[in-house]
Amino acid sequence: MDNPVAWTKSYTGTSGIKARVFFTTLGHPYDFKIPEVRKITMNGIFWALGKEGAIPEDGVNVILHEPFSPNNSEFGQNFKKNLKPTPIQ
């Protein structure tokens, strides 16, 4: 079975304001190690902002200038049982 991982929607809300939505099911920190995932996300954001004319023919530049080493969403060895978020002061 094929499932989309990203899609767009244009609509006009009940207030009459036109809107664009970009959605993706991608988003695990490790996903963003892959340049193509970063590119589809950035291209989608540009489109949702109405700036598709600014997207280069080969897509938005997603080259990282620093190493990207995300954790695994705090699962596995980094998971801390019963730890609650600290309130922002």
PDB file of N, CA and C in Angstrom:
ATOM      1  N   MET A   1       0.844  -1.174   0.000  1.00  0.00           N
ATOM      2  CA  MET A   1       0.000   0.000   0.000  1.00  0.00           C
ATOM      3  C   MET A   1       0.893   1.243   0.000  1.00  0.00           C
ATOM      4  N   ASP A   2       0.582   2.190  -0.850  1.00  0.00           N
ATOM      5  CA  ASP A   2       1.328   3.443  -0.905  1.00  0.00           C
ATOM      6  C   ASP A   2       0.670   4.470   0.012  1.00  0.00           C
ATOM      7  N   ASN A   3       1.499   5.189   0.732  1.00  0.00           N
ATOM      8  CA  ASN A   3       1.011   6.263   1.593  1.00  0.00           C
ATOM      9  C   ASN A   3       1.826   7.516   1.311  1.00  0.00           C
ATOM     10  N   PRO A   4       1.176   8.659   1.143  1.00  0.00           N
ATOM     11  CA  PRO A   4       1.931   9.887   0.916  1.00  0.00           C
ATOM     12  C   PRO A   4       2.685  10.280   2.180  1.00  0.00           C
ATOM     13  N   VAL A   5       3.836  10.901   2.005  1.00  0.00           N
ATOM     14  CA  VAL A   5       4.595  11.397   3.151  1.00  0.00           C
ATOM     15  C   VAL A   5       4.552  12.913   3.218  1.00  0.00           C
ATOM     16  N   ALA A   6       4.035  13.556   2.183  1.00  0.00           N
ATOM     17  CA  ALA A   6       3.892  15.009   2.177  1.00  0.00           C
ATOM     18  C   ALA A   6       2.785  15.395   1.208  1.00  0.00           C
ATOM     19  N   TRP A   7       2.050  16.440   1.547  1.00  0.00           N
ATOM     20  CA  TRP A   7       1.037  16.937   0.644  1.00  0.00           C
ATOM     21  C   TRP A   7       0.752  18.399   0.932  1.00  0.00           C
ATOM     22  N   THR A   8       0.024  19.026  -0.004  1.00  0.00           N
ATOM     23  CA  THR A   8      -0.334  20.431   0.118  1.00  0.00           C
ATOM     24  C   THR A   8      -1.842  20.573  -0.029  1.00  0.00           C
ATOM     25  N   LYS A   9      -2.344  21.673   0.496  1.00  0.00           N
ATOM     26  CA  LYS A   9      -3.777  21.968   0.355  1.00  0.00           C
ATOM     27  C   LYS A   9      -3.941  23.479   0.326  1.00  0.00           C
ATOM     28  N   SER A  10      -4.734  23.941  -0.619  1.00  0.00           N
ATOM     29  CA  SER A  10      -5.124  25.348  -0.677  1.00  0.00           C
ATOM     30  C   SER A  10      -6.609  25.407  -0.372  1.00  0.00           C
ATOM     31  N   TYR A  11      -7.012  26.360   0.426  1.00  0.00           N
ATOM     32  CA  TYR A  11      -8.428  26.482   0.731  1.00  0.00           C
ATOM     33  C   TYR A  11      -8.750  27.901   1.185  1.00  0.00           C
ATOM     34  N   THR A  12     -10.023  28.193   1.252  1.00  0.00           N
ATOM     35  CA  THR A  12     -10.502  29.463   1.794  1.00  0.00           C
ATOM     36  C   THR A  12     -11.329  29.133   3.024  1.00  0.00           C
ATOM     37  N   GLY A  13     -10.929  29.704   4.156  1.00  0.00           N
ATOM     38  CA  GLY A  13     -11.619  29.437   5.407  1.00  0.00           C
ATOM     39  C   GLY A  13     -12.968  30.139   5.482  1.00  0.00           C
ATOM     40  N   THR A  14     -13.697  29.905   6.544  1.00  0.00           N
ATOM     41  CA  THR A  14     -15.018  30.505   6.714  1.00  0.00           C
ATOM     42  C   THR A  14     -14.946  32.023   6.806  1.00  0.00           C
ATOM     43  N   SER A  15     -13.778  32.561   7.154  1.00  0.00           N
ATOM     44  CA  SER A  15     -13.608  34.009   7.230  1.00  0.00           C
ATOM     45  C   SER A  15     -13.362  34.620   5.851  1.00  0.00           C
ATOM     46  N   GLY A  16     -13.171  33.755   4.845  1.00  0.00           N
ATOM     47  CA  GLY A  16     -12.892  34.242   3.496  1.00  0.00           C
ATOM     48  C   GLY A  16     -11.409  34.422   3.209  1.00  0.00           C
ATOM     49  N   ILE A  17     -10.580  34.138   4.193  1.00  0.00           N
ATOM     50  CA  ILE A  17      -9.126  34.277   4.011  1.00  0.00           C
ATOM     51  C   ILE A  17      -8.577  33.023   3.348  1.00  0.00           C
ATOM     52  N   LYS A  18      -7.813  33.230   2.272  1.00  0.00           N
ATOM     53  CA  LYS A  18      -7.196  32.105   1.574  1.00  0.00           C
ATOM     54  C   LYS A  18      -5.978  31.637   2.359  1.00  0.00           C
ATOM     55  N   ALA A  19      -5.767  30.333   2.330  1.00  0.00           N
ATOM     56  CA  ALA A  19      -4.650  29.759   3.070  1.00  0.00           C
ATOM     57  C   ALA A  19      -4.048  28.602   2.294  1.00  0.00           C
ATOM     58  N   ARG A  20      -2.805  28.324   2.626  1.00  0.00           N
ATOM     59  CA  ARG A  20      -2.089  27.176   2.067  1.00  0.00           C
ATOM     60  C   ARG A  20      -1.511  26.373   3.222  1.00  0.00           C
ATOM     61  N   VAL A  21      -1.592  25.060   3.084  1.00  0.00           N
ATOM     62  CA  VAL A  21      -1.056  24.187   4.125  1.00  0.00           C
ATOM     63  C   VAL A  21      -0.109  23.189   3.479  1.00  0.00           C
ATOM     64  N   PHE A  22       1.055  23.037   4.070  1.00  0.00           N
ATOM     65  CA  PHE A  22       1.990  21.971   3.697  1.00  0.00           C
ATOM     66  C   PHE A  22       2.074  21.054   4.900  1.00  0.00           C
ATOM     67  N   PHE A  23       1.961  19.748   4.676  1.00  0.00           N
ATOM     68  CA  PHE A  23       2.020  18.775   5.766  1.00  0.00           C
ATOM     69  C   PHE A  23       2.915  17.629   5.363  1.00  0.00           C
ATOM     70  N   THR A  24       3.649  17.115   6.327  1.00  0.00           N
ATOM     71  CA  THR A  24       4.457  15.924   6.088  1.00  0.00           C
ATOM     72  C   THR A  24       4.419  15.029   7.314  1.00  0.00           C
ATOM     73  N   THR A  25       4.454  13.731   7.071  1.00  0.00           N
ATOM     74  CA  THR A  25       4.548  12.782   8.172  1.00  0.00           C
ATOM     75  C   THR A  25       6.004  12.531   8.545  1.00  0.00           C
ATOM     76  N   LEU A  26       6.912  13.089   7.769  1.00  0.00           N
ATOM     77  CA  LEU A  26       8.326  13.003   8.123  1.00  0.00           C
ATOM     78  C   LEU A  26       8.570  13.940   9.298  1.00  0.00           C
ATOM     79  N   GLY A  27       9.589  13.713  10.054  1.00  0.00           N
ATOM     80  CA  GLY A  27       9.854  14.641  11.131  1.00  0.00           C
ATOM     81  C   GLY A  27      10.642  14.077  12.290  1.00  0.00           C
ATOM     82  N   HIS A  28      10.934  12.781  12.280  1.00  0.00           N
ATOM     83  CA  HIS A  28      11.818  12.247  13.312  1.00  0.00           C
ATOM     84  C   HIS A  28      13.169  12.939  13.149  1.00  0.00           C
ATOM     85  N   PRO A  29      13.863  13.258  14.225  1.00  0.00           N
ATOM     86  CA  PRO A  29      15.147  13.942  14.077  1.00  0.00           C
ATOM     87  C   PRO A  29      16.086  13.267  13.084  1.00  0.00           C
ATOM     88  N   TYR A  30      16.100  11.935  13.048  1.00  0.00           N
ATOM     89  CA  TYR A  30      16.994  11.243  12.113  1.00  0.00           C
ATOM     90  C   TYR A  30      16.594  11.482  10.657  1.00  0.00           C
ATOM     91  N   ASP A  31      15.292  11.733  10.399  1.00  0.00           N
ATOM     92  CA  ASP A  31      14.846  12.015   9.032  1.00  0.00           C
ATOM     93  C   ASP A  31      15.618  13.191   8.440  1.00  0.00           C
ATOM     94  N   PHE A  32      15.896  14.182   9.289  1.00  0.00           N
ATOM     95  CA  PHE A  32      16.521  15.404   8.793  1.00  0.00           C
ATOM     96  C   PHE A  32      18.026  15.283   8.574  1.00  0.00           C
ATOM     97  N   LYS A  33      18.572  14.100   8.802  1.00  0.00           N
ATOM     98  CA  LYS A  33      19.953  13.826   8.389  1.00  0.00           C
ATOM     99  C   LYS A  33      20.014  13.696   6.862  1.00  0.00           C
ATOM    100  N   ILE A  34      18.879  13.372   6.242  1.00  0.00           N
ATOM    101  CA  ILE A  34      18.798  13.107   4.808  1.00  0.00           C
ATOM    102  C   ILE A  34      18.499  14.416   4.073  1.00  0.00           C
ATOM    103  N   PRO A  35      19.406  14.842   3.184  1.00  0.00           N
ATOM    104  CA  PRO A  35      19.201  16.114   2.479  1.00  0.00           C
ATOM    105  C   PRO A  35      17.861  16.207   1.742  1.00  0.00           C
ATOM    106  N   GLU A  36      17.398  15.114   1.160  1.00  0.00           N
ATOM    107  CA  GLU A  36      16.131  15.150   0.412  1.00  0.00           C
ATOM    108  C   GLU A  36      14.955  15.442   1.343  1.00  0.00           C
ATOM    109  N   VAL A  37      15.013  14.978   2.572  1.00  0.00           N
ATOM    110  CA  VAL A  37      13.947  15.267   3.537  1.00  0.00           C
ATOM    111  C   VAL A  37      13.972  16.756   3.895  1.00  0.00           C
ATOM    112  N   ARG A  38      15.168  17.278   4.116  1.00  0.00           N
ATOM    113  CA  ARG A  38      15.284  18.715   4.400  1.00  0.00           C
ATOM    114  C   ARG A  38      14.788  19.532   3.212  1.00  0.00           C
ATOM    115  N   LYS A  39      15.101  19.075   2.005  1.00  0.00           N
ATOM    116  CA  LYS A  39      14.720  19.823   0.800  1.00  0.00           C
ATOM    117  C   LYS A  39      13.203  19.827   0.604  1.00  0.00           C
ATOM    118  N   ILE A  40      12.545  18.680   0.719  1.00  0.00           N
ATOM    119  CA  ILE A  40      11.096  18.650   0.521  1.00  0.00           C
ATOM    120  C   ILE A  40      10.406  19.489   1.590  1.00  0.00           C
ATOM    121  N   THR A  41      10.938  19.478   2.804  1.00  0.00           N
ATOM    122  CA  THR A  41      10.363  20.277   3.878  1.00  0.00           C
ATOM    123  C   THR A  41      10.522  21.763   3.599  1.00  0.00           C
ATOM    124  N   MET A  42      11.708  22.188   3.231  1.00  0.00           N
ATOM    125  CA  MET A  42      11.940  23.607   2.953  1.00  0.00           C
ATOM    126  C   MET A  42      11.147  24.070   1.727  1.00  0.00           C
ATOM    127  N   ASN A  43      11.118  23.250   0.678  1.00  0.00           N
ATOM    128  CA  ASN A  43      10.331  23.612  -0.505  1.00  0.00           C
ATOM    129  C   ASN A  43       8.858  23.753  -0.130  1.00  0.00           C
ATOM    130  N   GLY A  44       8.352  22.848   0.708  1.00  0.00           N
ATOM    131  CA  GLY A  44       6.957  22.921   1.144  1.00  0.00           C
ATOM    132  C   GLY A  44       6.671  24.167   1.963  1.00  0.00           C
ATOM    133  N   ILE A  45       7.603  24.549   2.813  1.00  0.00           N
ATOM    134  CA  ILE A  45       7.433  25.764   3.618  1.00  0.00           C
ATOM    135  C   ILE A  45       7.407  26.995   2.714  1.00  0.00           C
ATOM    136  N   PHE A  46       8.329  27.053   1.751  1.00  0.00           N
ATOM    137  CA  PHE A  46       8.330  28.174   0.803  1.00  0.00           C
ATOM    138  C   PHE A  46       6.988  28.247   0.084  1.00  0.00           C
ATOM    139  N   TRP A  47       6.474  27.095  -0.382  1.00  0.00           N
ATOM    140  CA  TRP A  47       5.195  27.071  -1.089  1.00  0.00           C
ATOM    141  C   TRP A  47       4.071  27.579  -0.184  1.00  0.00           C
ATOM    142  N   ALA A  48       4.018  27.092   1.052  1.00  0.00           N
ATOM    143  CA  ALA A  48       2.950  27.488   1.971  1.00  0.00           C
ATOM    144  C   ALA A  48       2.977  28.992   2.249  1.00  0.00           C
ATOM    145  N   LEU A  49       4.159  29.581   2.207  1.00  0.00           N
ATOM    146  CA  LEU A  49       4.295  31.022   2.421  1.00  0.00           C
ATOM    147  C   LEU A  49       4.008  31.837   1.158  1.00  0.00           C
ATOM    148  N   GLY A  50       3.699  31.137   0.054  1.00  0.00           N
ATOM    149  CA  GLY A  50       3.434  31.834  -1.203  1.00  0.00           C
ATOM    150  C   GLY A  50       4.698  32.318  -1.887  1.00  0.00           C
ATOM    151  N   LYS A  51       5.816  31.709  -1.556  1.00  0.00           N
ATOM    152  CA  LYS A  51       7.102  32.122  -2.104  1.00  0.00           C
ATOM    153  C   LYS A  51       7.684  31.063  -3.048  1.00  0.00           C
ATOM    154  N   GLU A  52       6.790  30.346  -3.740  1.00  0.00           N
ATOM    155  CA  GLU A  52       7.270  29.297  -4.642  1.00  0.00           C
ATOM    156  C   GLU A  52       8.140  29.848  -5.759  1.00  0.00           C
ATOM    157  N   GLY A  53       7.968  31.107  -6.103  1.00  0.00           N
ATOM    158  CA  GLY A  53       8.806  31.722  -7.134  1.00  0.00           C
ATOM    159  C   GLY A  53      10.255  31.871  -6.700  1.00  0.00           C
ATOM    160  N   ALA A  54      10.500  31.796  -5.397  1.00  0.00           N
ATOM    161  CA  ALA A  54      11.864  31.914  -4.869  1.00  0.00           C
ATOM    162  C   ALA A  54      12.558  30.556  -4.749  1.00  0.00           C
ATOM    163  N   ILE A  55      11.836  29.484  -5.069  1.00  0.00           N
ATOM    164  CA  ILE A  55      12.440  28.156  -4.984  1.00  0.00           C
ATOM    165  C   ILE A  55      13.267  27.929  -6.246  1.00  0.00           C
ATOM    166  N   PRO A  56      14.585  27.705  -6.110  1.00  0.00           N
ATOM    167  CA  PRO A  56      15.402  27.436  -7.290  1.00  0.00           C
ATOM    168  C   PRO A  56      14.933  26.171  -8.011  1.00  0.00           C
ATOM    169  N   GLU A  57      15.297  26.057  -9.283  1.00  0.00           N
ATOM    170  CA  GLU A  57      14.877  24.896 -10.082  1.00  0.00           C
ATOM    171  C   GLU A  57      15.256  23.576  -9.426  1.00  0.00           C
ATOM    172  N   ASP A  58      16.413  23.529  -8.762  1.00  0.00           N
ATOM    173  CA  ASP A  58      16.852  22.292  -8.105  1.00  0.00           C
ATOM    174  C   ASP A  58      16.474  22.259  -6.622  1.00  0.00           C
ATOM    175  N   GLY A  59      15.608  23.165  -6.204  1.00  0.00           N
ATOM    176  CA  GLY A  59      15.131  23.182  -4.821  1.00  0.00           C
ATOM    177  C   GLY A  59      15.958  24.098  -3.931  1.00  0.00           C
ATOM    178  N   VAL A  60      15.415  24.327  -2.739  1.00  0.00           N
ATOM    179  CA  VAL A  60      16.062  25.189  -1.761  1.00  0.00           C
ATOM    180  C   VAL A  60      17.377  24.550  -1.311  1.00  0.00           C
ATOM    181  N   ASN A  61      18.385  25.374  -1.097  1.00  0.00           N
ATOM    182  CA  ASN A  61      19.686  24.894  -0.628  1.00  0.00           C
ATOM    183  C   ASN A  61      19.552  24.406   0.815  1.00  0.00           C
ATOM    184  N   VAL A  62      19.866  23.153   1.040  1.00  0.00           N
ATOM    185  CA  VAL A  62      19.747  22.577   2.386  1.00  0.00           C
ATOM    186  C   VAL A  62      21.082  22.046   2.891  1.00  0.00           C
ATOM    187  N   ILE A  63      22.175  22.544   2.327  1.00  0.00           N
ATOM    188  CA  ILE A  63      23.500  22.124   2.779  1.00  0.00           C
ATOM    189  C   ILE A  63      23.710  22.650   4.191  1.00  0.00           C
ATOM    190  N   LEU A  64      24.139  21.785   5.084  1.00  0.00           N
ATOM    191  CA  LEU A  64      24.402  22.171   6.467  1.00  0.00           C
ATOM    192  C   LEU A  64      25.863  22.583   6.604  1.00  0.00           C
ATOM    193  N   HIS A  65      26.097  23.623   7.356  1.00  0.00           N
ATOM    194  CA  HIS A  65      27.463  24.113   7.544  1.00  0.00           C
ATOM    195  C   HIS A  65      28.077  23.616   8.848  1.00  0.00           C
ATOM    196  N   GLU A  66      27.308  22.876   9.608  1.00  0.00           N
ATOM    197  CA  GLU A  66      27.782  22.246  10.834  1.00  0.00           C
ATOM    198  C   GLU A  66      27.233  20.830  10.859  1.00  0.00           C
ATOM    199  N   PRO A  67      27.919  19.912  11.539  1.00  0.00           N
ATOM    200  CA  PRO A  67      27.403  18.540  11.628  1.00  0.00           C
ATOM    201  C   PRO A  67      26.035  18.511  12.328  1.00  0.00           C
ATOM    202  N   PHE A  68      25.169  17.638  11.860  1.00  0.00           N
ATOM    203  CA  PHE A  68      23.846  17.478  12.453  1.00  0.00           C
ATOM    204  C   PHE A  68      23.804  16.113  13.108  1.00  0.00           C
ATOM    205  N   SER A  69      23.799  16.081  14.425  1.00  0.00           N
ATOM    206  CA  SER A  69      23.815  14.832  15.178  1.00  0.00           C
ATOM    207  C   SER A  69      22.660  14.824  16.172  1.00  0.00           C
ATOM    208  N   PRO A  70      21.433  14.587  15.695  1.00  0.00           N
ATOM    209  CA  PRO A  70      20.285  14.597  16.611  1.00  0.00           C
ATOM    210  C   PRO A  70      20.279  13.380  17.518  1.00  0.00           C
ATOM    211  N   ASN A  71      19.565  13.515  18.643  1.00  0.00           N
ATOM    212  CA  ASN A  71      19.382  12.325  19.469  1.00  0.00           C
ATOM    213  C   ASN A  71      18.181  11.561  18.922  1.00  0.00           C
ATOM    214  N   ASN A  72      17.905  10.449  19.530  1.00  0.00           N
ATOM    215  CA  ASN A  72      16.830   9.589  19.044  1.00  0.00           C
ATOM    216  C   ASN A  72      15.527   9.898  19.774  1.00  0.00           C
ATOM    217  N   SER A  73      15.136  11.169  19.817  1.00  0.00           N
ATOM    218  CA  SER A  73      13.885  11.600  20.454  1.00  0.00           C
ATOM    219  C   SER A  73      13.801  11.174  21.917  1.00  0.00           C
ATOM    220  N   GLU A  74      14.947  11.064  22.549  1.00  0.00           N
ATOM    221  CA  GLU A  74      15.035  10.714  23.966  1.00  0.00           C
ATOM    222  C   GLU A  74      14.478   9.332  24.292  1.00  0.00           C
ATOM    223  N   PHE A  75      14.556   8.405  23.359  1.00  0.00           N
ATOM    224  CA  PHE A  75      14.171   7.034  23.641  1.00  0.00           C
ATOM    225  C   PHE A  75      15.436   6.220  23.868  1.00  0.00           C
ATOM    226  N   GLY A  76      15.271   4.983  24.236  1.00  0.00           N
ATOM    227  CA  GLY A  76      16.427   4.114  24.434  1.00  0.00           C
ATOM    228  C   GLY A  76      17.182   4.506  25.691  1.00  0.00           C
ATOM    229  N   GLN A  77      18.487   4.575  25.617  1.00  0.00           N
ATOM    230  CA  GLN A  77      19.318   4.849  26.781  1.00  0.00           C
ATOM    231  C   GLN A  77      19.102   6.248  27.342  1.00  0.00           C
ATOM    232  N   ASN A  78      18.626   7.184  26.517  1.00  0.00           N
ATOM    233  CA  ASN A  78      18.433   8.550  26.984  1.00  0.00           C
ATOM    234  C   ASN A  78      17.077   8.784  27.642  1.00  0.00           C
ATOM    235  N   PHE A  79      16.169   7.806  27.561  1.00  0.00           N
ATOM    236  CA  PHE A  79      14.833   7.974  28.111  1.00  0.00           C
ATOM    237  C   PHE A  79      14.901   7.976  29.633  1.00  0.00           C
ATOM    238  N   LYS A  80      14.225   8.942  30.258  1.00  0.00           N
ATOM    239  CA  LYS A  80      14.209   9.050  31.718  1.00  0.00           C
ATOM    240  C   LYS A  80      12.773   8.858  32.197  1.00  0.00           C
ATOM    241  N   LYS A  81      12.499   7.719  32.814  1.00  0.00           N
ATOM    242  CA  LYS A  81      11.156   7.370  33.265  1.00  0.00           C
ATOM    243  C   LYS A  81      10.649   8.379  34.299  1.00  0.00           C
ATOM    244  N   ASN A  82       9.382   8.741  34.144  1.00  0.00           N
ATOM    245  CA  ASN A  82       8.665   9.648  35.055  1.00  0.00           C
ATOM    246  C   ASN A  82       9.211  11.064  35.110  1.00  0.00           C
ATOM    247  N   LEU A  83      10.050  11.452  34.168  1.00  0.00           N
ATOM    248  CA  LEU A  83      10.562  12.825  34.108  1.00  0.00           C
ATOM    249  C   LEU A  83       9.492  13.706  33.472  1.00  0.00           C
ATOM    250  N   LYS A  84       9.174  14.801  34.137  1.00  0.00           N
ATOM    251  CA  LYS A  84       8.159  15.717  33.636  1.00  0.00           C
ATOM    252  C   LYS A  84       8.829  16.990  33.133  1.00  0.00           C
ATOM    253  N   PRO A  85       8.225  17.693  32.161  1.00  0.00           N
ATOM    254  CA  PRO A  85       8.817  18.932  31.663  1.00  0.00           C
ATOM    255  C   PRO A  85       8.955  19.968  32.780  1.00  0.00           C
ATOM    256  N   THR A  86       9.995  20.748  32.713  1.00  0.00           N
ATOM    257  CA  THR A  86      10.215  21.841  33.660  1.00  0.00           C
ATOM    258  C   THR A  86       9.447  23.061  33.174  1.00  0.00           C
ATOM    259  N   PRO A  87       8.631  23.665  34.045  1.00  0.00           N
ATOM    260  CA  PRO A  87       7.879  24.861  33.626  1.00  0.00           C
ATOM    261  C   PRO A  87       8.843  25.995  33.226  1.00  0.00           C
ATOM    262  N   ILE A  88       8.436  26.762  32.233  1.00  0.00           N
ATOM    263  CA  ILE A  88       9.220  27.910  31.818  1.00  0.00           C
ATOM    264  C   ILE A  88       8.904  29.055  32.758  1.00  0.00           C
ATOM    265  N   GLN A  89       9.917  29.656  33.308  1.00  0.00           N
ATOM    266  CA  GLN A  89       9.735  30.776  34.257  1.00  0.00           C
ATOM    267  C   GLN A  89       9.642  32.088  33.538  1.00  0.00           C
TER     268      GLN A  89
END
